[in-house]
Protein backbone atom coordinates (compact mmCIF):
# COMPACT_ATOMS: atom_id res chain seq x y z
CA MET A 1 32.49 23.82 -4.16
CA GLU A 2 31.59 23.63 -7.84
CA GLU A 3 28.06 24.81 -7.06
CA LEU A 4 29.45 27.82 -5.20
CA ILE A 5 31.78 28.64 -8.09
CA LYS A 6 28.88 28.48 -10.55
CA THR A 7 26.79 30.74 -8.30
CA VAL A 8 29.62 33.30 -8.05
CA THR A 9 30.15 33.13 -11.81
CA ALA A 10 26.48 33.84 -12.48
CA LYS A 11 25.88 36.48 -9.84
CA ALA A 12 29.14 38.38 -10.26
CA GLY A 13 29.21 38.11 -14.03
CA ILE A 14 32.82 36.88 -14.05
CA SER A 15 34.51 33.95 -15.70
CA GLU A 16 34.57 30.56 -14.07
CA SER A 17 38.33 30.88 -13.62
CA GLN A 18 37.93 34.21 -11.82
CA ALA A 19 35.12 32.81 -9.65
CA LYS A 20 37.19 29.78 -8.73
CA SER A 21 40.06 32.02 -7.66
CA ALA A 22 37.74 34.19 -5.61
CA VAL A 23 36.06 31.23 -3.91
CA GLU A 24 39.42 29.60 -3.11
CA THR A 25 40.67 32.86 -1.65
CA VAL A 26 37.61 33.25 0.57
CA VAL A 27 37.68 29.61 1.70
CA SER A 28 41.36 29.91 2.56
CA PHE A 29 40.66 33.09 4.53
CA ILE A 30 37.84 31.41 6.44
CA LYS A 31 39.90 28.30 7.16
CA ASP A 32 42.72 30.45 8.56
CA LYS A 33 40.31 32.22 10.92
CA MET A 34 38.59 29.08 12.24
CA PRO A 35 39.82 27.37 15.38
CA GLY A 36 41.39 23.93 15.34
CA GLY A 37 40.22 21.43 12.77
CA ILE A 38 37.05 23.27 11.86
CA GLY A 39 38.64 24.87 8.81
CA GLY A 40 39.27 21.50 7.17
CA GLN A 41 35.70 20.44 7.93
CA VAL A 42 34.34 23.61 6.33
CA GLU A 43 36.39 22.94 3.21
CA SER A 44 35.17 19.33 3.16
CA PHE A 45 31.58 20.53 3.49
CA LEU A 46 32.03 22.95 0.60
CA ALA A 47 33.53 20.15 -1.46
CA GLY A 48 30.21 18.34 -1.16
CA ASN A 49 30.75 16.05 1.77
CA ALA A 50 27.49 16.92 3.52
CA GLY A 51 28.09 14.27 6.17
CA THR A 52 30.58 16.62 7.79
CA VAL A 53 27.92 19.19 8.72
CA GLY A 54 27.16 17.38 11.95
CA ASN A 55 30.87 17.13 12.70
CA VAL A 56 31.30 20.87 12.18
CA ILE A 57 28.37 21.65 14.44
CA ASP A 58 29.62 19.27 17.14
CA THR A 59 33.11 20.75 16.97
CA ILE A 60 31.71 24.29 17.30
CA LYS A 61 29.63 23.23 20.28
CA ASP A 62 32.67 21.63 21.94
CA LYS A 63 34.81 24.70 21.35
CA ALA A 64 32.07 27.06 22.59
CA SER A 65 31.44 25.03 25.74
CA GLY A 66 35.17 25.06 26.42
CA LEU A 67 35.15 28.84 26.24
CA LEU A 68 32.17 29.14 28.55
CA GLY A 69 33.52 26.88 31.23
């Protein structure tokens, strides 16, 4: 998540503290909108745990196949 905070700081021209607050707000919003345990996996991915990408994709596939029958 630090990389994302640095990117927001640079591109938006705001302080690191402001960027951190913005990123945390957006991540919280996304987590609240995601089904089941996906939100926690997204946060884990943003925290730098790249090994969870496959888990996120698998969970999305499982949820989507459940919706489609």
